[in-house]
Amino acid sequence: MELETRNSKLETRYEAVIGLEVHAQLLTKSKIFCGCSTVFGASPNSQTCPVCLGMPGALPVLNRRVVEFAIKSALALGCNIAPASRFHRKNYFYPDMPKNYQISQYELPLAQRGTVAFPVGDVLTCVRIHRLHLEEDVGKLLHAGTLQVADSSLVDFNRSGVPLMEIVSEPDIRSPEEAAEYLRQLRAILVYLEVCDGNMDEGSLRCDANVSLRLTGSEELGVKAEVKNMNSFKGVQKALAYEIQRQTQVLEEGGRIVQETRLWDADQELTLPMRSKEHAHDYRYFLEPDLVPLVISSQWIDEIRATLPELPQARRARFAREYGIPDYDAAVLTVSRPLADYYEDVAKASREPKLASNWVMVELLGHLNRDGRGITDSPIPPAELAALLTLLLRGTISGKIAKTVFEQMYHTGKSAELIIKEQGLTQISNQDELLQIVEEVLAKHPGPVADYRKGKVQCLTFLVGMVMKASRGKANPQVVGELLLMRLKGEEPGGDR
């Protein structure tokens, strides 16, 4: 279906109503109901046992750490935690599900009624959490070619039984941009809690969206379509924008929206029908007979509450307030807990928080992103980066040399002081030594000298650059500027600085 570009009239006629179902893989070492490993990337079907393969007679045993992580997440999202909940069997057939049912929570979820608040532009948006519950993951189908034309598929059950936490929002989202930002904020919280690594490429964080349209101003909900297979923030935004446009065109042409599940094809940038959308009763839910009720005491909740870290939004506000850095810097530096910890260590040790934010964001993150590394893999510890900034602030080295030293610190792991000592990179501030270089530069460039004396003050910048080049970046640019001004005015410099 080729879509037409919507005009402003159609955009205002309909309002999108969006709810997200986010599946977060919990960072436990073993699966939810057995002791098999959850490590990603192992050989196919090498991390399985009779329980996660659904063998007859195998009995599940609930992983306590899974419940702890879910309670921690629920507390961070402001949810009400149920004192007792139950697991159910969700019955349906799919080739990657060995039991033909999935153990999940249905009528009695672990937690309900939370919120995620975040700014979108200048508007504060609040998305309510409907429920948070636990379930097991299924296996993974590996198709021989694309899904539409594959003549065979293989199944890897390593992922079967991996613990998932499903977080279902209310239909409070009104645009693809809001949806993407909500997902970013939710991911940041879970990563801060260290309950999920948030790796969307590996499927640790997955998102389905329910999308419908209604006439602007109406309270009646339209027929929804569920969109699956979105594995990036940009993918969520593009998929929802396409689906809103598709549904708008169907309605404008007098058609009706079919309740169905659709797949997002990132290569073609369109959604494709997958199957008719099931209702809850289609799954024939019934209580899981092999698992006892899950009882959560208030004491256990309080113990977990005491372990909650400072969350991203609070830390972002504190960084802007305490360190005086821009909101943009604070947002970048609090994307992950290790990054925020790293920056805070550098800021405190150097006592120059803005300079620290510049170097962490531009130099360090630039190098790490280029190499596909995370902040925890940084070859420069926070104390060593702070030491480099201290040398720069003291005037021991120039800004240009500081960047050269940083490059060598990054690639060798050596300290700034050792590199400066080995290569004689200390900044030159001695007037007598610099005056000789200044005189040589003035003699070589009589044109800019004459132009400056005629009023072209920008020529001073050129002359400073020439002195810096002649000194191989070692000259103190402030002293160079002062000496050049004196000589251009015909004055004699005083003694050493």
Protein backbone atom coordinates (compact mmCIF):
# COMPACT_ATOMS: atom_id res chain seq x y z
CA MET A 1 0.00 0.00 0.00
CA GLU A 2 1.58 3.26 -1.11
CA LEU A 3 0.79 6.04 1.33
CA GLU A 4 0.07 9.64 0.48
CA THR A 5 1.59 12.50 2.41
CA ARG A 6 -0.91 13.79 4.96
CA ASN A 7 -1.82 17.45 4.89
CA SER A 8 -2.34 19.58 7.99
CA LYS A 9 -6.14 19.15 7.77
CA LEU A 10 -5.91 15.38 8.12
CA GLU A 11 -3.27 15.67 10.85
CA THR A 12 -5.62 17.71 13.02
CA ARG A 13 -8.72 15.66 12.21
CA TYR A 14 -7.45 12.51 13.87
CA GLU A 15 -5.70 11.94 17.18
CA ALA A 16 -3.36 9.01 17.72
CA VAL A 17 -3.81 6.89 20.84
CA ILE A 18 -0.73 4.80 21.65
CA GLY A 19 0.14 2.36 24.41
CA LEU A 20 3.43 0.49 24.68
CA GLU A 21 4.16 -3.00 25.94
CA VAL A 22 7.84 -3.17 26.86
CA HIS A 23 9.57 -6.49 27.52
CA ALA A 24 12.77 -6.15 29.55
CA GLN A 25 15.07 -9.13 29.99
CA LEU A 26 16.20 -9.22 33.60
CA LEU A 27 19.93 -9.39 34.35
CA THR A 28 19.93 -12.67 36.23
CA LYS A 29 22.58 -15.33 35.67
CA SER A 30 20.00 -18.09 35.39
CA LYS A 31 16.53 -18.42 33.86
CA ILE A 32 13.24 -17.73 35.59
CA PHE A 33 12.23 -21.32 36.35
CA CYS A 34 15.46 -23.33 36.00
CA GLY A 35 19.22 -23.03 36.50
CA CYS A 36 20.22 -22.69 32.83
CA SER A 37 22.49 -19.78 31.90
CA THR A 38 21.11 -16.60 30.33
CA VAL A 39 24.41 -15.55 28.69
CA PHE A 40 23.83 -14.13 25.20
CA GLY A 41 25.54 -15.56 22.11
CA ALA A 42 26.07 -19.19 23.15
CA SER A 43 25.84 -22.01 20.58
CA PRO A 44 22.22 -22.79 19.63
CA ASN A 45 20.36 -25.03 22.10
CA SER A 46 23.41 -25.30 24.39
CA GLN A 47 21.74 -23.58 27.36
CA THR A 48 18.68 -25.76 27.84
CA CYS A 49 17.31 -28.39 30.19
CA PRO A 50 14.07 -30.40 30.54
CA VAL A 51 12.36 -27.46 32.28
CA CYS A 52 12.98 -24.78 29.66
CA LEU A 53 12.45 -27.32 26.86
CA GLY A 54 9.01 -28.16 28.28
CA MET A 55 9.67 -31.88 28.76
CA PRO A 56 6.83 -33.89 30.34
CA GLY A 57 7.15 -34.12 34.11
CA ALA A 58 9.62 -31.22 34.45
CA LEU A 59 8.66 -28.80 37.23
CA PRO A 60 9.43 -25.05 37.32
CA VAL A 61 10.99 -23.39 40.40
CA LEU A 62 10.75 -19.58 40.63
CA ASN A 63 14.05 -17.65 40.68
CA ARG A 64 14.02 -15.34 43.74
CA ARG A 65 16.37 -12.79 42.11
CA VAL A 66 13.89 -12.34 39.26
CA VAL A 67 11.24 -11.26 41.76
CA GLU A 68 13.68 -8.91 43.53
CA PHE A 69 14.51 -7.17 40.26
CA ALA A 70 10.83 -6.80 39.39
CA ILE A 71 10.02 -5.32 42.82
CA LYS A 72 12.95 -2.90 42.45
CA SER A 73 11.65 -1.79 39.06
CA ALA A 74 8.10 -1.40 40.33
CA LEU A 75 9.29 0.80 43.21
CA ALA A 76 11.30 3.01 40.87
CA LEU A 77 8.21 3.45 38.67
CA GLY A 78 6.00 4.30 41.65
CA CYS A 79 3.83 1.20 41.26
CA ASN A 80 1.66 -0.45 43.90
CA ILE A 81 3.09 -3.89 44.64
CA ALA A 82 0.61 -6.68 45.25
CA PRO A 83 1.08 -8.59 48.53
CA ALA A 84 0.22 -11.76 46.61
CA SER A 85 0.21 -12.63 42.91
CA ARG A 86 -0.08 -15.75 40.77
CA PHE A 87 1.33 -17.22 37.59
CA HIS A 88 -0.93 -18.44 34.79
CA ARG A 89 -0.55 -20.54 31.69
CA LYS A 90 -1.09 -18.55 28.51
CA ASN A 91 -1.98 -21.12 25.86
CA TYR A 92 -1.16 -20.64 22.20
CA PHE A 93 0.83 -22.40 19.50
CA TYR A 94 3.98 -20.99 17.98
CA PRO A 95 6.96 -23.01 16.70
CA ASP A 96 9.47 -21.39 19.10
CA MET A 97 7.45 -22.22 22.24
CA PRO A 98 8.19 -25.79 23.36
CA LYS A 99 5.26 -26.27 25.80
CA ASN A 100 2.60 -24.59 23.61
CA TYR A 101 1.93 -22.37 26.60
CA GLN A 102 3.85 -19.57 28.24
CA ILE A 103 4.05 -19.11 32.02
CA SER A 104 3.01 -15.52 32.67
CA GLN A 105 0.99 -13.43 35.11
CA TYR A 106 -2.55 -12.50 34.11
CA GLU A 107 -5.27 -11.61 36.62
CA LEU A 108 -2.91 -11.04 39.55
CA PRO A 109 0.17 -9.14 38.29
CA LEU A 110 3.07 -8.28 40.56
CA ALA A 111 2.50 -4.49 40.38
CA GLN A 112 0.13 -1.87 38.97
CA ARG A 113 -0.49 1.87 38.62
CA GLY A 114 2.88 3.59 38.24
CA THR A 115 4.01 6.61 36.20
CA VAL A 116 6.85 7.80 34.01
CA ALA A 117 7.10 11.60 33.66
CA PHE A 118 9.41 13.27 31.13
CA PRO A 119 9.67 16.44 29.05
CA VAL A 120 8.98 16.45 25.30
CA GLY A 121 10.14 19.86 24.17
CA ASP A 122 8.69 22.31 26.67
CA VAL A 123 5.80 20.05 27.66
CA LEU A 124 5.93 17.69 30.64
CA THR A 125 4.38 14.39 29.63
CA CYS A 126 3.13 11.80 32.12
CA VAL A 127 2.51 8.22 30.99
CA ARG A 128 0.74 5.93 33.42
CA ILE A 129 1.88 2.35 33.94
CA HIS A 130 -1.08 -0.02 33.81
CA ARG A 131 0.72 -3.13 35.05
CA LEU A 132 4.11 -4.76 35.53
CA HIS A 133 4.30 -8.53 35.50
CA LEU A 134 6.71 -11.42 35.06
CA GLU A 135 6.83 -14.12 32.42
CA GLU A 136 9.20 -16.45 30.62
CA ASP A 137 10.63 -15.75 27.18
CA VAL A 138 10.20 -18.14 24.27
CA GLY A 139 12.79 -19.46 21.82
CA LYS A 140 14.05 -17.80 18.66
CA LEU A 141 13.24 -18.72 15.07
CA LEU A 142 16.07 -18.49 12.54
CA HIS A 143 14.59 -18.27 9.05
CA ALA A 144 16.32 -19.45 5.87
CA GLY A 145 15.88 -16.11 4.14
CA THR A 146 13.29 -13.43 4.85
CA LEU A 147 10.15 -14.34 6.79
CA GLN A 148 7.89 -13.95 3.76
CA VAL A 149 9.80 -16.31 1.43
CA ALA A 150 11.75 -18.62 3.79
CA ASP A 151 11.24 -22.29 2.90
CA SER A 152 12.50 -23.49 6.30
CA SER A 153 13.26 -22.25 9.81
CA LEU A 154 15.42 -23.47 12.69
CA VAL A 155 14.64 -23.02 16.38
CA ASP A 156 17.14 -21.98 19.08
CA PHE A 157 15.73 -22.59 22.56
CA ASN A 158 18.54 -20.87 24.47
CA ARG A 159 16.26 -17.90 25.11
CA SER A 160 13.36 -20.09 26.20
CA GLY A 161 12.78 -19.49 29.91
CA VAL A 162 14.84 -16.30 30.11
CA PRO A 163 13.13 -13.99 32.65
CA LEU A 164 11.10 -11.15 31.19
CA MET A 165 9.42 -8.24 32.90
CA GLU A 166 6.57 -6.81 30.87
CA ILE A 167 5.67 -3.17 31.53
CA VAL A 168 2.34 -2.16 29.99
CA SER A 169 1.49 1.52 29.70
CA GLU A 170 -1.94 3.09 29.60
CA PRO A 171 -2.88 4.54 26.16
CA ASP A 172 -1.58 7.96 27.21
CA ILE A 173 0.88 8.53 24.35
CA ARG A 174 -0.20 10.80 21.51
CA SER A 175 2.72 10.89 19.07
CA PRO A 176 5.63 8.79 17.81
CA GLU A 177 8.04 11.30 19.41
CA GLU A 178 6.39 10.83 22.82
CA ALA A 179 6.56 7.04 22.40
CA ALA A 180 10.29 7.09 21.59
CA GLU A 181 11.04 9.41 24.53
CA TYR A 182 8.96 7.30 26.93
CA LEU A 183 10.96 4.25 25.86
CA ARG A 184 14.25 6.12 26.36
CA GLN A 185 13.23 7.21 29.84
CA LEU A 186 12.05 3.74 30.80
CA ARG A 187 15.24 2.16 29.50
CA ALA A 188 17.37 4.66 31.46
CA ILE A 189 15.56 3.78 34.69
CA LEU A 190 15.99 0.02 34.21
CA VAL A 191 19.66 0.39 33.29
CA TYR A 192 20.25 2.61 36.35
CA LEU A 193 18.66 -0.03 38.55
CA GLU A 194 21.02 -2.61 36.97
CA VAL A 195 18.09 -4.96 36.40
CA CYS A 196 18.35 -4.87 32.56
CA ASP A 197 21.24 -4.00 30.26
CA GLY A 198 18.87 -2.27 27.81
CA ASN A 199 20.62 -3.76 24.77
CA MET A 200 17.97 -3.51 22.07
CA ASP A 201 20.23 -5.08 19.41
CA GLU A 202 20.43 -8.31 21.45
CA GLY A 203 16.72 -8.24 22.32
CA SER A 204 17.22 -7.40 26.00
CA LEU A 205 14.67 -4.62 25.60
CA ARG A 206 11.81 -5.10 23.15
CA CYS A 207 8.74 -3.06 22.46
CA ASP A 208 5.28 -3.67 20.99
CA ALA A 209 2.87 -0.81 20.37
CA ASN A 210 -0.91 -0.64 20.26
CA VAL A 211 -2.00 2.15 17.92
CA SER A 212 -5.45 3.50 17.09
CA LEU A 213 -6.94 6.71 15.76
CA ARG A 214 -9.97 8.67 16.89
CA LEU A 215 -11.51 11.95 15.83
CA THR A 216 -9.84 14.84 17.60
CA GLY A 217 -11.82 15.73 20.71
CA SER A 218 -13.60 12.35 20.87
CA GLU A 219 -13.36 10.10 23.93
CA GLU A 220 -14.26 6.95 22.02
CA LEU A 221 -11.28 4.76 21.18
CA GLY A 222 -10.76 3.47 17.66
CA VAL A 223 -9.86 -0.06 16.58
CA LYS A 224 -6.22 -0.74 17.40
CA ALA A 225 -3.45 -2.50 15.58
CA GLU A 226 -0.46 -3.98 17.40
CA VAL A 227 2.94 -3.29 15.86
CA LYS A 228 5.81 -5.67 16.64
CA ASN A 229 9.50 -6.10 15.76
CA MET A 230 10.76 -2.63 16.73
CA ASN A 231 14.29 -2.81 18.12
CA SER A 232 15.46 0.81 18.31
CA PHE A 233 14.17 4.21 19.40
CA LYS A 234 14.28 5.42 15.81
CA GLY A 235 12.51 2.25 14.69
CA VAL A 236 9.68 2.84 17.18
CA GLN A 237 9.27 6.42 15.99
CA LYS A 238 9.30 5.49 12.30
CA ALA A 239 6.99 2.48 12.73
CA LEU A 240 4.39 4.48 14.64
CA ALA A 241 4.55 7.38 12.18
CA TYR A 242 3.95 4.94 9.31
CA GLU A 243 1.10 3.15 11.10
CA ILE A 244 -0.63 6.44 11.95
CA GLN A 245 -0.33 7.51 8.33
CA ARG A 246 -1.61 4.11 7.11
CA GLN A 247 -4.66 4.16 9.38
CA THR A 248 -5.39 7.78 8.45
CA GLN A 249 -5.47 6.90 4.77
CA VAL A 250 -7.68 3.84 5.34
CA LEU A 251 -10.22 5.95 7.26
CA GLU A 252 -10.13 8.79 4.73
CA GLU A 253 -10.84 6.34 1.92
CA GLY A 254 -13.91 5.06 3.77
CA GLY A 255 -12.36 1.80 4.91
CA ARG A 256 -12.24 0.33 8.40
CA ILE A 257 -9.30 -0.59 10.60
CA VAL A 258 -8.91 -4.31 11.28
CA GLN A 259 -7.74 -5.39 14.74
CA GLU A 260 -4.56 -7.25 13.91
CA THR A 261 -0.89 -7.71 14.69
CA ARG A 262 1.50 -6.14 12.20
CA LEU A 263 5.28 -6.47 11.79
CA TRP A 264 7.55 -3.49 11.26
CA ASP A 265 9.89 -4.04 8.30
CA ALA A 266 12.81 -1.71 8.98
CA ASP A 267 14.33 -2.22 5.50
CA GLN A 268 11.17 -1.23 3.63
CA GLU A 269 10.04 1.12 6.42
CA LEU A 270 6.47 -0.16 6.50
CA THR A 271 4.24 -2.39 8.61
CA LEU A 272 2.98 -5.71 7.26
CA PRO A 273 0.03 -7.82 8.49
CA MET A 274 1.09 -10.80 10.60
CA ARG A 275 -2.07 -12.27 12.15
CA SER A 276 -5.48 -11.26 13.51
CA LYS A 277 -5.18 -9.80 17.00
CA GLU A 278 -6.12 -12.22 19.77
CA HIS A 279 -8.30 -11.31 22.73
CA ALA A 280 -7.40 -12.40 26.27
CA HIS A 281 -9.96 -15.22 26.25
CA ASP A 282 -8.33 -16.67 23.13
CA TYR A 283 -5.32 -17.65 25.24
CA ARG A 284 -7.42 -19.81 27.61
CA TYR A 285 -5.59 -18.56 30.68
CA PHE A 286 -5.68 -20.75 33.77
CA LEU A 287 -3.64 -20.84 36.99
CA GLU A 288 -0.21 -22.48 36.72
CA PRO A 289 -0.71 -25.62 38.88
CA ASP A 290 3.03 -26.25 39.39
CA LEU A 291 3.78 -22.88 41.06
CA VAL A 292 2.50 -21.76 44.46
CA PRO A 293 1.18 -18.20 44.95
CA LEU A 294 3.88 -15.52 45.13
CA VAL A 295 3.66 -13.78 48.51
CA ILE A 296 5.60 -10.52 48.98
CA SER A 297 6.00 -9.17 52.52
CA SER A 298 6.23 -5.48 53.34
CA GLN A 299 9.59 -6.16 55.00
CA TRP A 300 10.98 -7.56 51.74
CA ILE A 301 9.71 -4.50 49.85
CA ASP A 302 11.35 -2.15 52.39
CA GLU A 303 14.65 -4.01 52.13
CA ILE A 304 14.63 -3.62 48.35
CA ARG A 305 13.51 0.02 48.57
CA ALA A 306 16.63 0.76 50.64
CA THR A 307 18.83 -0.34 47.71
CA LEU A 308 17.32 2.06 45.15
CA PRO A 309 19.91 4.38 43.59
CA GLU A 310 19.43 8.02 42.62
CA LEU A 311 17.34 7.75 39.45
CA PRO A 312 18.21 9.45 36.12
CA GLN A 313 15.74 12.32 36.30
CA ALA A 314 16.76 13.28 39.85
CA ARG A 315 20.44 12.98 39.03
CA ARG A 316 20.02 15.06 35.88
CA ALA A 317 18.42 17.87 37.89
CA ARG A 318 21.12 17.66 40.56
CA PHE A 319 23.95 17.83 38.02
CA ALA A 320 22.47 20.98 36.49
CA ARG A 321 21.91 22.50 39.92
CA GLU A 322 25.11 21.54 41.75
CA TYR A 323 27.62 21.62 38.90
CA GLY A 324 26.09 24.47 36.90
CA ILE A 325 26.23 22.57 33.61
CA PRO A 326 23.59 23.02 30.87
CA ASP A 327 20.53 20.76 30.83
CA TYR A 328 21.80 19.20 27.60
CA ASP A 329 25.10 18.20 29.23
CA ALA A 330 23.28 16.82 32.26
CA ALA A 331 20.99 14.74 30.03
CA VAL A 332 23.90 13.23 28.07
CA LEU A 333 25.97 12.51 31.17
CA THR A 334 23.16 10.71 32.97
CA VAL A 335 22.21 8.33 30.16
CA SER A 336 23.74 5.50 32.18
CA ARG A 337 24.75 5.11 35.80
CA PRO A 338 28.42 4.26 35.08
CA LEU A 339 28.73 7.33 32.82
CA ALA A 340 27.20 9.59 35.48
CA ASP A 341 29.52 8.11 38.11
CA TYR A 342 32.53 8.65 35.83
CA TYR A 343 31.66 12.28 35.15
CA GLU A 344 30.99 13.04 38.79
CA ASP A 345 34.38 11.61 39.80
CA VAL A 346 36.15 13.79 37.20
CA ALA A 347 34.16 16.91 38.16
CA LYS A 348 34.93 16.53 41.85
CA ALA A 349 38.62 15.77 41.36
CA SER A 350 39.26 18.56 38.83
CA ARG A 351 36.94 21.08 40.54
CA GLU A 352 35.96 22.30 37.08
CA PRO A 353 32.60 20.62 36.31
CA LYS A 354 31.95 22.39 32.98
CA LEU A 355 35.42 21.64 31.66
CA ALA A 356 34.98 18.07 32.87
CA SER A 357 31.65 17.72 31.04
CA ASN A 358 33.21 19.00 27.80
CA TRP A 359 36.08 16.54 27.94
CA VAL A 360 33.94 13.55 28.93
CA MET A 361 31.26 14.26 26.32
CA VAL A 362 33.42 15.34 23.38
CA GLU A 363 36.82 13.69 23.76
CA LEU A 364 36.19 10.56 25.81
CA LEU A 365 32.75 9.58 24.51
CA GLY A 366 33.86 10.45 20.98
CA HIS A 367 36.72 7.96 21.19
CA LEU A 368 34.66 5.28 22.95
CA ASN A 369 31.76 5.54 20.47
CA ARG A 370 34.16 5.37 17.55
CA ASP A 371 35.64 2.16 18.96
CA GLY A 372 32.30 0.65 19.96
CA ARG A 373 33.23 0.66 23.66
CA GLY A 374 31.28 1.62 26.75
CA ILE A 375 32.32 3.90 29.59
CA THR A 376 33.19 0.88 31.74
CA ASP A 377 35.83 -0.03 29.12
CA SER A 378 37.49 3.38 29.21
CA PRO A 379 41.29 3.04 29.25
CA ILE A 380 41.49 6.38 31.10
CA PRO A 381 40.30 6.21 34.73
CA PRO A 382 38.39 9.25 36.05
CA ALA A 383 41.30 10.26 38.32
CA GLU A 384 43.71 10.34 35.36
CA LEU A 385 41.40 12.48 33.22
CA ALA A 386 40.98 14.85 36.18
CA ALA A 387 44.79 15.02 36.50
CA LEU A 388 45.08 16.00 32.83
CA LEU A 389 42.50 18.76 33.28
CA THR A 390 44.34 20.02 36.36
CA LEU A 391 47.58 20.32 34.35
CA LEU A 392 45.66 22.23 31.68
CA LEU A 393 44.11 24.58 34.23
CA ARG A 394 47.49 25.27 35.86
CA GLY A 395 48.96 26.22 32.50
CA THR A 396 51.44 23.35 32.58
CA ILE A 397 50.23 22.35 29.11
CA SER A 398 48.22 24.14 26.43
CA GLY A 399 44.80 23.05 25.15
CA LYS A 400 46.34 21.67 21.97
CA ILE A 401 48.93 19.66 23.88
CA ALA A 402 46.25 18.45 26.26
CA LYS A 403 44.42 16.85 23.34
CA THR A 404 47.65 15.25 22.13
CA VAL A 405 48.34 13.90 25.60
CA PHE A 406 44.75 12.63 25.86
CA GLU A 407 45.18 10.66 22.62
CA GLN A 408 48.27 8.96 24.00
CA MET A 409 46.63 8.31 27.37
CA TYR A 410 43.73 6.65 25.56
CA HIS A 411 45.93 4.42 23.42
CA THR A 412 48.71 3.61 25.92
CA GLY A 413 47.06 3.79 29.33
CA LYS A 414 49.90 5.99 30.59
CA SER A 415 49.29 8.93 32.91
CA ALA A 416 49.33 12.51 31.64
CA GLU A 417 52.32 13.44 33.81
CA LEU A 418 54.39 10.54 32.51
CA ILE A 419 53.62 11.34 28.85
CA ILE A 420 54.43 15.04 29.35
CA LYS A 421 57.69 14.18 31.10
CA GLU A 422 58.77 11.57 28.51
CA GLN A 423 58.09 13.87 25.56
CA GLY A 424 58.98 17.25 27.07
CA LEU A 425 55.53 18.71 26.41
CA THR A 426 55.46 21.23 29.25
CA GLN A 427 53.99 24.56 28.16
CA ILE A 428 56.45 27.44 27.64
CA SER A 429 55.55 30.53 29.64
CA ASN A 430 59.01 32.11 29.95
CA GLN A 431 58.93 35.57 28.27
CA ASP A 432 62.52 35.55 27.11
CA GLU A 433 62.13 32.17 25.43
CA LEU A 434 58.83 33.13 23.81
CA LEU A 435 59.99 36.60 22.78
CA GLN A 436 62.56 35.11 20.44
CA ILE A 437 59.83 33.08 18.68
CA VAL A 438 57.54 36.14 18.56
CA GLU A 439 60.25 38.28 16.94
CA GLU A 440 60.90 35.60 14.30
CA VAL A 441 57.17 35.35 13.46
CA LEU A 442 56.80 39.14 13.20
CA ALA A 443 59.83 39.29 10.88
CA LYS A 444 58.43 36.54 8.62
CA HIS A 445 54.95 38.11 8.32
CA PRO A 446 55.32 41.85 7.69
CA GLY A 447 51.97 41.99 5.83
CA PRO A 448 49.74 40.94 8.76
CA VAL A 449 51.85 43.19 11.04
CA ALA A 450 51.17 46.21 8.81
CA ASP A 451 47.49 45.26 8.48
CA TYR A 452 47.09 45.04 12.25
CA ARG A 453 48.62 48.49 12.69
CA LYS A 454 46.11 49.79 10.12
CA GLY A 455 43.25 48.56 12.30
CA LYS A 456 42.68 44.95 11.16
CA VAL A 457 42.67 43.48 14.67
CA GLN A 458 41.82 39.97 13.40
CA CYS A 459 45.41 39.71 12.20
CA LEU A 460 46.45 39.22 15.83
CA THR A 461 44.72 35.82 15.84
CA PHE A 462 46.74 34.80 12.78
CA LEU A 463 50.01 35.87 14.42
CA VAL A 464 49.19 34.02 17.63
CA GLY A 465 48.55 30.90 15.54
CA MET A 466 51.90 31.28 13.80
CA VAL A 467 53.72 31.51 17.15
CA MET A 468 51.85 28.44 18.44
CA LYS A 469 52.82 26.56 15.29
CA ALA A 470 56.46 27.61 15.58
CA SER A 471 56.53 26.41 19.20
CA ARG A 472 54.84 23.13 18.24
CA GLY A 473 51.91 24.00 20.47
CA LYS A 474 54.02 24.43 23.59
CA ALA A 475 53.69 28.20 23.94
CA ASN A 476 51.32 29.65 26.50
CA PRO A 477 48.77 31.38 24.24
CA GLN A 478 47.95 34.04 26.85
CA VAL A 479 51.60 35.05 27.20
CA VAL A 480 52.01 34.94 23.41
CA GLY A 481 49.07 37.31 22.97
CA GLU A 482 50.45 39.75 25.52
CA LEU A 483 53.95 39.73 23.94
CA LEU A 484 52.56 40.24 20.44
CA LEU A 485 50.45 43.22 21.56
CA MET A 486 53.48 44.82 23.21
CA ARG A 487 55.75 44.39 20.17
CA LEU A 488 53.03 45.54 17.74
CA LYS A 489 52.65 48.71 19.83
CA GLY A 490 56.40 49.15 19.94
CA GLU A 491 56.63 48.43 23.67
CA GLU A 492 59.34 46.39 25.38
CA PRO A 493 58.13 43.47 27.56
CA GLY A 494 58.92 43.37 31.27
CA GLY A 495 60.54 40.54 33.19
CA ASP A 496 59.62 36.83 33.37
CA ARG A 497 56.13 35.87 34.31
